[in-house]
Amino acid sequence: MKVTSLQGDPVDLVVWRERGTVDGLVEAVLDTNRGLAARGVVLPIGTTVTLPDPPASPVRKPTVKLWD
């Protein structure tokens, strides 16, 4: 999926806006888009960012109940 940055967008905001989370995705986006980090913290307006496929569903940890 390709998205375009808006004015004042850092990479994590672009990821959050499209995926709703940034858990482990910012690193994946930077790996997918070589040279993106060199553009600075705030991306230039109109920068095309390729988002990798989202990871499989996260492993759910069992819920701990303090009282039954």
Protein backbone atom coordinates (compact mmCIF):
# COMPACT_ATOMS: atom_id res chain seq x y z
CA MET A 1 0.00 0.00 0.00
CA LYS A 2 1.36 3.42 -0.91
CA VAL A 3 0.40 6.60 0.93
CA THR A 4 1.43 10.23 0.59
CA SER A 5 2.63 12.34 3.50
CA LEU A 6 0.80 15.52 4.44
CA GLN A 7 2.29 18.72 5.80
CA GLY A 8 4.23 18.11 9.02
CA ASP A 9 3.92 14.32 8.96
CA PRO A 10 6.60 12.24 10.68
CA VAL A 11 6.76 8.56 9.69
CA ASP A 12 5.01 7.35 12.84
CA LEU A 13 1.99 9.61 12.18
CA VAL A 14 1.65 8.29 8.63
CA VAL A 15 1.73 4.72 10.00
CA TRP A 16 -0.75 5.53 12.79
CA ARG A 17 -3.19 7.21 10.39
CA GLU A 18 -3.21 4.22 8.02
CA ARG A 19 -2.83 1.26 10.39
CA GLY A 20 -4.16 2.53 13.73
CA THR A 21 -1.05 1.37 15.56
CA VAL A 22 2.71 1.82 15.36
CA ASP A 23 3.78 -1.35 17.20
CA GLY A 24 6.76 -2.61 15.23
CA LEU A 25 5.50 -1.00 12.04
CA VAL A 26 7.68 2.12 11.97
CA GLU A 27 10.81 -0.03 11.80
CA ALA A 28 9.24 -2.13 9.03
CA VAL A 29 8.35 1.02 7.06
CA LEU A 30 11.90 2.35 7.38
CA ASP A 31 13.29 -1.03 6.22
CA THR A 32 10.89 -1.07 3.26
CA ASN A 33 11.59 2.55 2.24
CA ARG A 34 15.38 2.83 2.07
CA GLY A 35 16.50 6.45 2.41
CA LEU A 36 13.27 7.61 4.06
CA ALA A 37 15.01 8.28 7.38
CA ALA A 38 17.52 10.52 5.58
CA ARG A 39 14.68 12.91 4.70
CA GLY A 40 14.49 13.99 8.33
CA VAL A 41 12.04 13.68 11.19
CA VAL A 42 9.27 15.56 9.35
CA LEU A 43 8.71 14.22 5.85
CA PRO A 44 8.48 16.66 2.95
CA ILE A 45 4.90 17.19 1.73
CA GLY A 46 3.94 14.64 -0.91
CA THR A 47 6.51 12.01 0.02
CA THR A 48 5.31 8.59 -1.12
CA VAL A 49 5.63 5.98 1.62
CA THR A 50 5.18 2.26 0.95
CA LEU A 51 3.55 0.50 3.89
CA PRO A 52 4.35 -3.20 4.26
CA ASP A 53 1.56 -5.69 4.85
CA PRO A 54 0.41 -5.64 8.47
CA PRO A 55 1.78 -8.45 10.62
CA ALA A 56 -0.41 -11.39 11.53
CA SER A 57 -2.69 -10.96 14.50
CA PRO A 58 -0.72 -10.36 17.68
CA VAL A 59 -0.46 -13.23 20.11
CA ARG A 60 -2.93 -12.65 22.89
CA LYS A 61 -1.69 -13.19 26.40
CA PRO A 62 -4.07 -14.94 28.79
CA THR A 63 -6.10 -12.67 31.03
CA VAL A 64 -5.26 -12.86 34.70
CA LYS A 65 -8.24 -12.63 37.07
CA LEU A 66 -7.58 -11.48 40.59
CA TRP A 67 -10.98 -12.63 41.82
CA ASP A 68 -13.42 -15.25 40.48
